[in-house]
Amino acid sequence: MYKDLAFDHDDYMIDELRDMDYAFDEYSLSDPDFRDLAFDEYGIEAPEVYLDVPYVPTDEKVVQAMLDLAEITSKDLLYDLGCGDGRIVVAAALDRRTRGIGIDMDPMRIADAMESAGNAGVEHLVDFFEGSFLEEDFSQATVVTLYLLDLVNIELRPRLLNELRPGTRIVSHAFDMGDWRADECKSFSGIHLFKWFVPAKVAGHWQWQTTSGDTYKVVLQQRYQRIKGKVWINGKKAQLTSAALKGDLLELLIQPDATSQPLSFVMRCEAKQLVATDDGFQATPAVKLG
C-alpha cells in the first residue's frame, strides 16, 4: 500500500525498529531537539584536530561505491566535507550531473580540486571553498560525504543532526558516528562504508483523528532514528507494536486491543505536523500537543 516509502527491509536498523524486543531504558532516548545526547562534550574549540586528519586519496572504485550507496542523482546537492583534491565532487558531477561543493582547510588541495574540475569540464557544476566545515554552511545539502576520522565524525555529528533537513543522506568512508548507528553498512574491497538518513524530530505528544471518529494520542521517545512510545485510542490504552523512522517518514503500527489486527499509520513530518501519506483512514494530520 505504501510503495512510496521504500523502507529497506534488508536494512538492519529498520529491522531492529520493527522488532519490539529491543531494550531501551528510559534514559536512552532523546528529547525532540537531541539536546540530551551529550553533544556538549564535543566542542569546537580544537580545530587542530582537523589538521591532524591525514590526506589519503579515496580509490576511484570506492568513490563510485560511495556515490552508489548515497543513491545520488542530478537532482541532489552534494557537499563533500574534507574534500581533498575534489575527486568525489568531480566524479558525481561528471558521471551523474550532480551539483557539488567541496570544503577543505588545505589551499593546495582546493587548487588541485579546481584544476581537476576544469580538466573534467564540470567547473560549471561544482565549487570548492577553503575553510572549516565546523563553520561553513552546508545546510542545503541533500547528500553529505565524509572521509574523516571517527573522532571528527562525532564532533561534526551535532551539526549534521540539527542543521541538515530530515532525509538528507550521509555517507562515510571507513569511519562511523559512535552511538548514532548507521542505517546501512556495506563492505567494498574490505572497506566499510556507512550511510545514515538524518532523522526528523518526532519525540513528543501527538494526536489525530481517524475517518471513523476515533481520537489517537501517542507519546514518542526518540534516540536518533530509534523510536518507542505509548498510545491511547479515545483515552483507552492501546499497544504500539512497532515504530520505524526513516528520514522524515514515520510508520506506527498500532493494535487497538488484543483481538484486533494492528493498524498501520504512515506519516511524513511536515512543519510540526505528521501528515498521512495516503488517503486511508487517518482523517487529520497528527498535531503536536504542548
Protein backbone atom coordinates (compact mmCIF):
# COMPACT_ATOMS: atom_id res chain seq x y z
CA MET A 1 0.00 0.00 0.00
CA TYR A 2 2.83 2.35 0.85
CA LYS A 3 5.04 1.84 -2.18
CA ASP A 4 6.47 5.33 -1.96
CA LEU A 5 8.09 4.64 1.39
CA ALA A 6 10.82 2.36 0.06
CA PHE A 7 11.60 1.06 3.55
CA ASP A 8 14.56 -1.29 3.03
CA HIS A 9 13.76 -4.48 4.90
CA ASP A 10 17.36 -5.59 4.41
CA ASP A 11 18.35 -2.54 6.41
CA TYR A 12 19.29 -3.79 9.84
CA MET A 13 18.20 -0.62 11.64
CA ILE A 14 14.66 -0.71 10.22
CA ASP A 15 14.50 -4.40 11.07
CA GLU A 16 15.53 -3.58 14.62
CA LEU A 17 12.86 -0.91 14.89
CA ARG A 18 10.21 -3.39 13.83
CA ASP A 19 11.44 -5.87 16.43
CA MET A 20 9.89 -4.85 19.74
CA ASP A 21 12.38 -6.93 21.69
CA TYR A 22 14.96 -4.14 21.59
CA ALA A 23 15.84 -2.96 25.07
CA PHE A 24 15.90 0.79 25.66
CA ASP A 25 15.80 2.19 29.12
CA GLU A 26 14.07 5.49 29.82
CA TYR A 27 17.35 7.35 29.65
CA SER A 28 18.42 6.03 26.25
CA LEU A 29 16.01 8.15 24.24
CA SER A 30 16.26 11.77 23.28
CA ASP A 31 14.15 14.86 23.67
CA PRO A 32 12.81 16.47 20.47
CA ASP A 33 15.90 18.50 19.60
CA PHE A 34 18.60 15.99 20.61
CA ARG A 35 19.87 18.34 23.34
CA ASP A 36 20.30 15.48 25.82
CA LEU A 37 22.59 13.35 23.66
CA ALA A 38 25.79 14.62 25.31
CA PHE A 39 26.83 16.71 22.33
CA ASP A 40 28.37 19.32 24.61
CA GLU A 41 31.38 17.11 25.18
CA TYR A 42 32.25 17.54 21.52
CA GLY A 43 33.08 21.22 21.40
CA ILE A 44 34.52 23.25 18.53
CA GLU A 45 37.43 24.65 20.47
CA ALA A 46 40.11 22.45 18.88
CA PRO A 47 40.26 22.94 15.11
CA GLU A 48 43.75 21.48 15.14
CA VAL A 49 42.18 18.01 15.26
CA TYR A 50 41.23 18.56 11.62
CA LEU A 51 44.77 19.42 10.70
CA ASP A 52 45.71 16.02 12.09
CA VAL A 53 43.42 14.23 9.62
CA PRO A 54 45.83 12.82 7.04
CA TYR A 55 45.16 13.33 3.36
CA VAL A 56 44.54 9.88 1.93
CA PRO A 57 43.04 9.90 -1.58
CA THR A 58 39.97 7.72 -1.98
CA ASP A 59 40.31 5.00 -4.58
CA GLU A 60 38.15 5.72 -7.65
CA LYS A 61 36.24 2.47 -7.23
CA VAL A 62 35.45 3.40 -3.63
CA VAL A 63 34.29 6.82 -4.83
CA GLN A 64 31.80 5.16 -7.15
CA ALA A 65 30.68 2.80 -4.38
CA MET A 66 30.05 5.78 -2.10
CA LEU A 67 28.00 7.55 -4.78
CA ASP A 68 26.02 4.35 -5.40
CA LEU A 69 25.33 3.95 -1.69
CA ALA A 70 24.19 7.59 -1.50
CA GLU A 71 21.89 6.95 -4.49
CA ILE A 72 22.99 10.31 -5.80
CA THR A 73 21.34 11.85 -8.88
CA SER A 74 21.32 15.08 -10.87
CA LYS A 75 18.63 16.40 -8.51
CA ASP A 76 20.96 16.34 -5.50
CA LEU A 77 23.25 18.93 -3.98
CA LEU A 78 26.38 17.18 -2.72
CA TYR A 79 28.68 18.55 -0.04
CA ASP A 80 32.00 16.76 0.48
CA LEU A 81 33.44 17.77 3.86
CA GLY A 82 37.21 17.47 3.80
CA CYS A 83 37.14 17.17 0.01
CA GLY A 84 40.90 16.85 -0.58
CA ASP A 85 41.54 17.01 -4.33
CA GLY A 86 37.79 17.06 -5.02
CA ARG A 87 37.56 13.66 -6.64
CA ILE A 88 34.18 12.74 -5.10
CA VAL A 89 32.57 16.04 -6.14
CA VAL A 90 34.09 15.88 -9.63
CA ALA A 91 33.07 12.23 -10.13
CA ALA A 92 29.47 12.99 -9.09
CA ALA A 93 29.32 15.93 -11.50
CA LEU A 94 30.97 14.05 -14.37
CA ASP A 95 29.05 10.77 -14.10
CA ARG A 96 25.72 11.89 -12.62
CA ARG A 97 25.48 15.62 -13.41
CA THR A 98 25.24 16.35 -9.69
CA ARG A 99 25.87 19.84 -8.37
CA GLY A 100 28.57 19.67 -5.71
CA ILE A 101 30.55 21.74 -3.24
CA GLY A 102 33.80 20.71 -1.56
CA ILE A 103 35.23 22.19 1.63
CA ASP A 104 38.80 21.68 2.77
CA MET A 105 41.25 23.54 5.00
CA ASP A 106 44.25 22.94 2.73
CA PRO A 107 44.56 25.60 -0.01
CA MET A 108 46.76 23.31 -2.09
CA ARG A 109 44.02 20.67 -2.17
CA ILE A 110 41.45 23.28 -3.16
CA ALA A 111 43.71 24.35 -6.04
CA ASP A 112 44.04 20.70 -7.10
CA ALA A 113 40.26 20.26 -6.94
CA MET A 114 39.58 23.31 -9.10
CA GLU A 115 42.13 22.14 -11.66
CA SER A 116 40.58 18.66 -11.72
CA ALA A 117 37.10 20.12 -12.25
CA GLY A 118 38.40 22.22 -15.12
CA ASN A 119 40.13 19.27 -16.76
CA ALA A 120 36.91 17.23 -16.48
CA GLY A 121 34.81 20.08 -17.91
CA VAL A 122 32.46 20.21 -14.91
CA GLU A 123 33.52 23.52 -13.37
CA HIS A 124 30.00 24.91 -14.01
CA LEU A 125 28.54 22.23 -11.68
CA VAL A 126 30.99 22.39 -8.79
CA ASP A 127 32.62 24.80 -6.40
CA PHE A 128 35.32 24.47 -3.76
CA PHE A 129 35.96 26.50 -0.63
CA GLU A 130 38.93 26.76 1.66
CA GLY A 131 37.64 26.63 5.22
CA SER A 132 36.50 24.53 8.15
CA PHE A 133 33.29 22.56 7.91
CA LEU A 134 32.78 23.38 11.59
CA GLU A 135 31.97 26.89 10.39
CA GLU A 136 30.88 26.71 6.75
CA ASP A 137 27.16 26.41 6.00
CA PHE A 138 26.20 23.07 4.40
CA SER A 139 22.54 23.03 5.47
CA GLN A 140 21.23 22.95 1.89
CA ALA A 141 22.89 19.62 1.12
CA THR A 142 20.79 16.63 0.16
CA VAL A 143 23.87 14.37 0.31
CA VAL A 144 26.98 14.72 2.50
CA THR A 145 30.11 12.62 2.01
CA LEU A 146 32.89 12.16 4.56
CA TYR A 147 36.31 10.58 4.78
CA LEU A 148 37.43 11.81 8.16
CA LEU A 149 38.29 10.15 11.47
CA ASP A 150 35.70 8.69 13.84
CA LEU A 151 36.56 11.37 16.43
CA VAL A 152 35.97 14.08 13.83
CA ASN A 153 32.69 12.49 12.72
CA ILE A 154 31.43 12.56 16.30
CA GLU A 155 32.45 16.20 16.70
CA LEU A 156 30.61 17.01 13.48
CA ARG A 157 27.53 14.96 14.43
CA PRO A 158 25.50 17.72 16.17
CA ARG A 159 25.64 19.90 13.06
CA LEU A 160 24.60 17.03 10.82
CA LEU A 161 21.62 16.22 13.04
CA ASN A 162 20.44 19.74 13.73
CA GLU A 163 21.21 21.66 10.53
CA LEU A 164 20.50 19.19 7.74
CA ARG A 165 16.96 18.55 6.59
CA PRO A 166 15.35 15.23 7.55
CA GLY A 167 16.02 12.63 4.90
CA THR A 168 19.43 14.01 3.91
CA ARG A 169 21.80 11.12 3.19
CA ILE A 170 25.23 10.97 4.79
CA VAL A 171 27.85 8.52 3.53
CA SER A 172 31.15 7.98 5.36
CA HIS A 173 34.18 6.12 4.13
CA ALA A 174 35.61 3.83 6.84
CA PHE A 175 34.51 5.74 9.96
CA ASP A 176 31.20 5.66 11.85
CA MET A 177 29.31 8.09 14.13
CA GLY A 178 29.68 6.44 17.52
CA ASP A 179 26.32 5.55 19.05
CA TRP A 180 24.41 7.02 16.09
CA ARG A 181 24.28 3.69 14.32
CA ALA A 182 24.23 3.67 10.54
CA ASP A 183 21.03 2.87 8.65
CA GLU A 184 23.12 0.89 6.19
CA CYS A 185 26.62 -0.53 6.29
CA LYS A 186 28.31 -2.12 3.29
CA SER A 187 31.77 -3.53 2.67
CA PHE A 188 33.61 -2.83 -0.55
CA SER A 189 37.01 -4.42 -1.15
CA GLY A 190 37.46 -4.79 2.60
CA ILE A 191 36.47 -1.17 3.30
CA HIS A 192 33.39 -0.31 5.36
CA LEU A 193 31.01 2.31 4.01
CA PHE A 194 28.30 3.77 6.27
CA LYS A 195 25.05 5.51 5.39
CA TRP A 196 22.65 7.49 7.55
CA PHE A 197 19.38 9.26 6.88
CA VAL A 198 19.05 12.40 9.00
CA PRO A 199 16.01 11.64 11.19
CA ALA A 200 13.10 14.00 11.70
CA LYS A 201 12.49 15.10 15.28
CA VAL A 202 9.31 13.28 16.24
CA ALA A 203 9.65 12.94 20.02
CA GLY A 204 6.70 14.34 21.94
CA HIS A 205 2.91 14.12 22.29
CA TRP A 206 0.87 13.76 19.09
CA GLN A 207 -2.87 13.48 18.42
CA TRP A 208 -5.03 12.82 15.35
CA GLN A 209 -8.48 11.59 14.32
CA THR A 210 -9.47 8.74 12.03
CA THR A 211 -12.27 8.61 9.48
CA SER A 212 -14.29 6.54 11.97
CA GLY A 213 -14.16 9.38 14.50
CA ASP A 214 -11.63 7.83 16.88
CA THR A 215 -9.02 10.01 18.57
CA TYR A 216 -5.48 8.65 18.67
CA LYS A 217 -2.84 10.01 21.02
CA VAL A 218 0.78 8.84 21.06
CA VAL A 219 3.75 9.78 23.21
CA LEU A 220 7.00 9.11 21.37
CA GLN A 221 10.55 8.97 22.68
CA GLN A 222 13.48 9.14 20.31
CA ARG A 223 17.19 8.46 20.08
CA TYR A 224 18.36 9.27 16.58
CA GLN A 225 16.17 7.06 14.31
CA ARG A 226 15.13 4.69 17.11
CA ILE A 227 11.61 5.21 18.40
CA LYS A 228 9.45 3.82 21.17
CA GLY A 229 6.30 5.11 22.81
CA LYS A 230 2.80 4.66 24.16
CA VAL A 231 -0.61 5.07 22.54
CA TRP A 232 -4.22 5.69 23.56
CA ILE A 233 -7.42 5.44 21.49
CA ASN A 234 -10.32 7.54 22.80
CA GLY A 235 -8.48 7.71 26.12
CA LYS A 236 -8.08 3.93 26.38
CA LYS A 237 -4.62 2.38 26.40
CA ALA A 238 -3.67 0.56 23.19
CA GLN A 239 -0.47 -1.11 22.00
CA LEU A 240 2.25 0.46 19.87
CA THR A 241 3.61 -2.74 18.39
CA SER A 242 6.16 -1.21 16.04
CA ALA A 243 7.70 2.15 15.15
CA ALA A 244 10.06 2.92 12.26
CA LEU A 245 11.60 6.27 11.32
CA LYS A 246 13.47 6.80 8.07
CA GLY A 247 14.29 10.40 7.35
CA ASP A 248 11.02 12.31 7.51
CA LEU A 249 8.84 9.20 7.18
CA LEU A 250 7.35 7.66 10.31
CA GLU A 251 5.44 4.36 10.38
CA LEU A 252 3.48 3.41 13.50
CA LEU A 253 1.83 0.02 13.87
CA ILE A 254 -0.95 0.28 16.47
CA GLN A 255 -3.08 -2.56 17.88
CA PRO A 256 -6.34 -1.22 19.38
CA ASP A 257 -6.90 -4.31 21.58
CA ALA A 258 -5.88 -7.93 21.96
CA THR A 259 -8.45 -9.19 19.45
CA SER A 260 -7.85 -6.60 16.72
CA GLN A 261 -5.42 -6.56 13.85
CA PRO A 262 -2.73 -3.83 14.04
CA LEU A 263 -3.38 -0.69 12.03
CA SER A 264 -0.57 0.97 10.08
CA PHE A 265 -0.20 4.74 10.09
CA VAL A 266 2.42 6.11 7.71
CA MET A 267 3.09 9.82 8.07
CA ARG A 268 5.51 12.42 6.81
CA CYS A 269 6.90 15.02 9.21
CA GLU A 270 5.98 18.49 7.94
CA ALA A 271 6.15 21.72 9.95
CA LYS A 272 5.22 20.27 13.35
CA GLN A 273 2.60 18.00 11.80
CA LEU A 274 2.63 14.33 10.83
CA VAL A 275 0.74 14.16 7.55
CA ALA A 276 -0.69 10.89 6.22
CA THR A 277 1.00 9.72 3.02
CA ASP A 278 -2.18 8.26 1.51
CA ASP A 279 -5.97 8.61 1.60
CA GLY A 280 -6.50 5.87 4.17
CA PHE A 281 -8.36 6.05 7.47
CA GLN A 282 -6.34 8.90 9.03
CA ALA A 283 -8.69 11.88 8.74
CA THR A 284 -6.47 14.63 10.14
CA PRO A 285 -2.73 15.24 10.40
CA ALA A 286 -1.18 14.39 13.75
CA VAL A 287 -0.58 17.65 15.61
CA LYS A 288 1.90 18.17 18.39
CA LEU A 289 0.39 18.90 21.78
CA GLY A 290 2.01 21.39 24.13
